[in-house]
Amino acid sequence: MDINSIEKKILSRPFKKPNQCTMFGINLGLELNRRLTDYASKNNVSKSSIVKNLLIAYLDEKEIKVLTK
């Protein structure tokens, strides 16, 4: 997983009003939630866009590994 390319995707989409698809509730714990909130605020992106891009990258990588076995 290339975190620099993931970050470029996240930062290329500035925060905007959310669309109609909502993210399911995740209990991140206080520390991880604070870190996520701080990063999103500093970079003017939504927390859901960060989670979405990370999840896409993770699943893409895992699905490729499954397909190549």
N, C-alpha and C. Protein backbone atom coordinates (compact mmCIF):
# COMPACT_ATOMS: atom_id res chain seq x y z
N MET A 1 0.86 -1.16 0.00
CA MET A 1 0.00 0.00 0.00
C MET A 1 0.90 1.23 0.00
N ASP A 2 0.77 2.08 -0.99
CA ASP A 2 1.59 3.28 -1.12
C ASP A 2 0.86 4.45 -0.47
N ILE A 3 1.25 4.79 0.76
CA ILE A 3 0.52 5.83 1.50
C ILE A 3 0.66 7.21 0.86
N ASN A 4 1.73 7.44 0.13
CA ASN A 4 1.88 8.75 -0.52
C ASN A 4 0.88 8.93 -1.65
N SER A 5 0.65 7.89 -2.43
CA SER A 5 -0.34 8.01 -3.51
C SER A 5 -1.76 8.07 -2.93
N ILE A 6 -1.99 7.37 -1.83
CA ILE A 6 -3.30 7.45 -1.17
C ILE A 6 -3.54 8.87 -0.67
N GLU A 7 -2.50 9.45 -0.04
CA GLU A 7 -2.64 10.82 0.46
C GLU A 7 -2.91 11.80 -0.67
N LYS A 8 -2.28 11.62 -1.83
CA LYS A 8 -2.54 12.51 -2.97
C LYS A 8 -4.01 12.44 -3.39
N LYS A 9 -4.58 11.24 -3.40
CA LYS A 9 -5.99 11.08 -3.75
C LYS A 9 -6.88 11.78 -2.72
N ILE A 10 -6.54 11.61 -1.45
CA ILE A 10 -7.33 12.22 -0.39
C ILE A 10 -7.28 13.74 -0.50
N LEU A 11 -6.10 14.29 -0.66
CA LEU A 11 -5.92 15.73 -0.68
C LEU A 11 -6.40 16.37 -1.97
N SER A 12 -6.60 15.59 -3.01
CA SER A 12 -7.06 16.15 -4.28
C SER A 12 -8.55 16.48 -4.25
N ARG A 13 -9.23 16.04 -3.21
CA ARG A 13 -10.66 16.32 -3.08
C ARG A 13 -10.92 17.12 -1.81
N PRO A 14 -10.99 18.45 -1.91
CA PRO A 14 -11.24 19.25 -0.71
C PRO A 14 -12.60 18.92 -0.10
N PHE A 15 -12.73 19.24 1.16
CA PHE A 15 -13.97 18.94 1.89
C PHE A 15 -15.15 19.61 1.21
N LYS A 16 -16.21 18.85 1.06
CA LYS A 16 -17.45 19.38 0.51
C LYS A 16 -18.61 18.72 1.23
N LYS A 17 -19.77 19.17 0.95
CA LYS A 17 -20.96 18.61 1.59
C LYS A 17 -21.07 17.12 1.25
N PRO A 18 -21.36 16.30 2.25
CA PRO A 18 -21.44 14.85 1.99
C PRO A 18 -22.55 14.47 1.01
N ASN A 19 -22.32 13.35 0.31
CA ASN A 19 -23.37 12.86 -0.59
C ASN A 19 -24.33 11.97 0.19
N GLN A 20 -25.16 11.25 -0.49
CA GLN A 20 -26.21 10.50 0.18
C GLN A 20 -25.76 9.16 0.74
N CYS A 21 -24.60 8.69 0.39
CA CYS A 21 -24.10 7.43 0.93
C CYS A 21 -23.40 7.72 2.25
N THR A 22 -23.79 7.02 3.28
CA THR A 22 -23.20 7.29 4.59
C THR A 22 -22.31 6.14 5.03
N MET A 23 -21.32 6.46 5.85
CA MET A 23 -20.40 5.46 6.36
C MET A 23 -21.00 4.85 7.62
N PHE A 24 -20.77 3.57 7.79
CA PHE A 24 -21.24 2.89 8.98
C PHE A 24 -20.45 3.37 10.19
N GLY A 25 -21.04 3.24 11.38
CA GLY A 25 -20.38 3.70 12.60
C GLY A 25 -19.19 2.84 12.96
N ILE A 26 -18.08 3.48 13.29
CA ILE A 26 -16.87 2.77 13.69
C ILE A 26 -16.40 3.38 15.00
N ASN A 27 -16.15 2.56 15.99
CA ASN A 27 -15.57 3.04 17.24
C ASN A 27 -14.06 3.05 17.09
N LEU A 28 -13.48 4.22 16.88
CA LEU A 28 -12.05 4.34 16.64
C LEU A 28 -11.25 4.46 17.93
N GLY A 29 -11.91 4.74 19.01
CA GLY A 29 -11.20 5.04 20.25
C GLY A 29 -10.79 6.51 20.24
N LEU A 30 -10.50 7.04 21.41
CA LEU A 30 -10.22 8.47 21.52
C LEU A 30 -8.98 8.90 20.75
N GLU A 31 -7.88 8.17 20.89
CA GLU A 31 -6.61 8.57 20.27
C GLU A 31 -6.69 8.54 18.75
N LEU A 32 -7.19 7.45 18.18
CA LEU A 32 -7.26 7.34 16.72
C LEU A 32 -8.26 8.36 16.15
N ASN A 33 -9.37 8.57 16.85
CA ASN A 33 -10.33 9.56 16.39
C ASN A 33 -9.73 10.96 16.42
N ARG A 34 -8.95 11.28 17.45
CA ARG A 34 -8.30 12.58 17.54
C ARG A 34 -7.31 12.76 16.40
N ARG A 35 -6.52 11.74 16.13
CA ARG A 35 -5.54 11.81 15.05
C ARG A 35 -6.22 11.99 13.69
N LEU A 36 -7.28 11.23 13.47
CA LEU A 36 -8.02 11.34 12.21
C LEU A 36 -8.64 12.72 12.07
N THR A 37 -9.25 13.21 13.13
CA THR A 37 -9.88 14.53 13.12
C THR A 37 -8.84 15.63 12.87
N ASP A 38 -7.70 15.55 13.54
CA ASP A 38 -6.63 16.54 13.35
C ASP A 38 -6.12 16.55 11.91
N TYR A 39 -5.87 15.36 11.36
CA TYR A 39 -5.38 15.26 9.98
C TYR A 39 -6.40 15.84 9.00
N ALA A 40 -7.65 15.47 9.17
CA ALA A 40 -8.70 15.96 8.27
C ALA A 40 -8.82 17.47 8.36
N SER A 41 -8.78 18.00 9.55
CA SER A 41 -8.90 19.45 9.74
C SER A 41 -7.72 20.19 9.14
N LYS A 42 -6.52 19.71 9.37
CA LYS A 42 -5.31 20.37 8.84
C LYS A 42 -5.27 20.35 7.32
N ASN A 43 -5.86 19.33 6.71
CA ASN A 43 -5.78 19.17 5.26
C ASN A 43 -7.08 19.50 4.53
N ASN A 44 -8.08 19.99 5.28
CA ASN A 44 -9.36 20.38 4.70
C ASN A 44 -10.00 19.27 3.88
N VAL A 45 -10.02 18.08 4.46
CA VAL A 45 -10.69 16.93 3.84
C VAL A 45 -11.61 16.31 4.87
N SER A 46 -12.56 15.53 4.41
CA SER A 46 -13.46 14.88 5.35
C SER A 46 -12.83 13.60 5.88
N LYS A 47 -13.20 13.25 7.09
CA LYS A 47 -12.70 12.01 7.69
C LYS A 47 -13.16 10.80 6.87
N SER A 48 -14.37 10.88 6.35
CA SER A 48 -14.87 9.74 5.57
C SER A 48 -14.07 9.55 4.27
N SER A 49 -13.59 10.65 3.67
CA SER A 49 -12.80 10.49 2.44
C SER A 49 -11.46 9.82 2.74
N ILE A 50 -10.90 10.09 3.92
CA ILE A 50 -9.66 9.43 4.31
C ILE A 50 -9.90 7.94 4.48
N VAL A 51 -10.93 7.59 5.24
CA VAL A 51 -11.25 6.18 5.49
C VAL A 51 -11.59 5.48 4.18
N LYS A 52 -12.37 6.14 3.32
CA LYS A 52 -12.78 5.54 2.04
C LYS A 52 -11.56 5.24 1.16
N ASN A 53 -10.65 6.20 1.04
CA ASN A 53 -9.47 5.98 0.20
C ASN A 53 -8.56 4.90 0.76
N LEU A 54 -8.41 4.85 2.06
CA LEU A 54 -7.60 3.79 2.68
C LEU A 54 -8.24 2.42 2.47
N LEU A 55 -9.56 2.37 2.61
CA LEU A 55 -10.28 1.11 2.43
C LEU A 55 -10.20 0.63 0.97
N ILE A 56 -10.33 1.55 0.03
CA ILE A 56 -10.21 1.20 -1.39
C ILE A 56 -8.83 0.63 -1.67
N ALA A 57 -7.78 1.30 -1.19
CA ALA A 57 -6.41 0.84 -1.43
C ALA A 57 -6.19 -0.54 -0.81
N TYR A 58 -6.68 -0.73 0.40
CA TYR A 58 -6.51 -2.02 1.08
C TYR A 58 -7.22 -3.13 0.30
N LEU A 59 -8.48 -2.91 -0.04
CA LEU A 59 -9.25 -3.95 -0.74
C LEU A 59 -8.70 -4.21 -2.13
N ASP A 60 -8.28 -3.17 -2.85
CA ASP A 60 -7.67 -3.37 -4.17
C ASP A 60 -6.45 -4.27 -4.06
N GLU A 61 -5.61 -4.00 -3.07
CA GLU A 61 -4.40 -4.80 -2.91
C GLU A 61 -4.73 -6.24 -2.53
N LYS A 62 -5.68 -6.42 -1.63
CA LYS A 62 -6.06 -7.77 -1.20
C LYS A 62 -6.73 -8.55 -2.33
N GLU A 63 -7.60 -7.89 -3.08
CA GLU A 63 -8.29 -8.57 -4.18
C GLU A 63 -7.33 -8.98 -5.28
N ILE A 64 -6.33 -8.18 -5.55
CA ILE A 64 -5.31 -8.54 -6.55
C ILE A 64 -4.57 -9.79 -6.10
N LYS A 65 -4.22 -9.86 -4.82
CA LYS A 65 -3.51 -11.03 -4.30
C LYS A 65 -4.35 -12.29 -4.41
N VAL A 66 -5.66 -12.17 -4.16
CA VAL A 66 -6.56 -13.32 -4.27
C VAL A 66 -6.66 -13.77 -5.73
N LEU A 67 -6.75 -12.82 -6.65
CA LEU A 67 -6.91 -13.15 -8.06
C LEU A 67 -5.64 -13.77 -8.66
N THR A 68 -4.48 -13.46 -8.09
CA THR A 68 -3.24 -13.96 -8.65
C THR A 68 -2.80 -15.27 -8.02
N LYS A 69 -3.56 -15.79 -7.09
CA LYS A 69 -3.19 -17.08 -6.46
C LYS A 69 -3.59 -18.24 -7.33
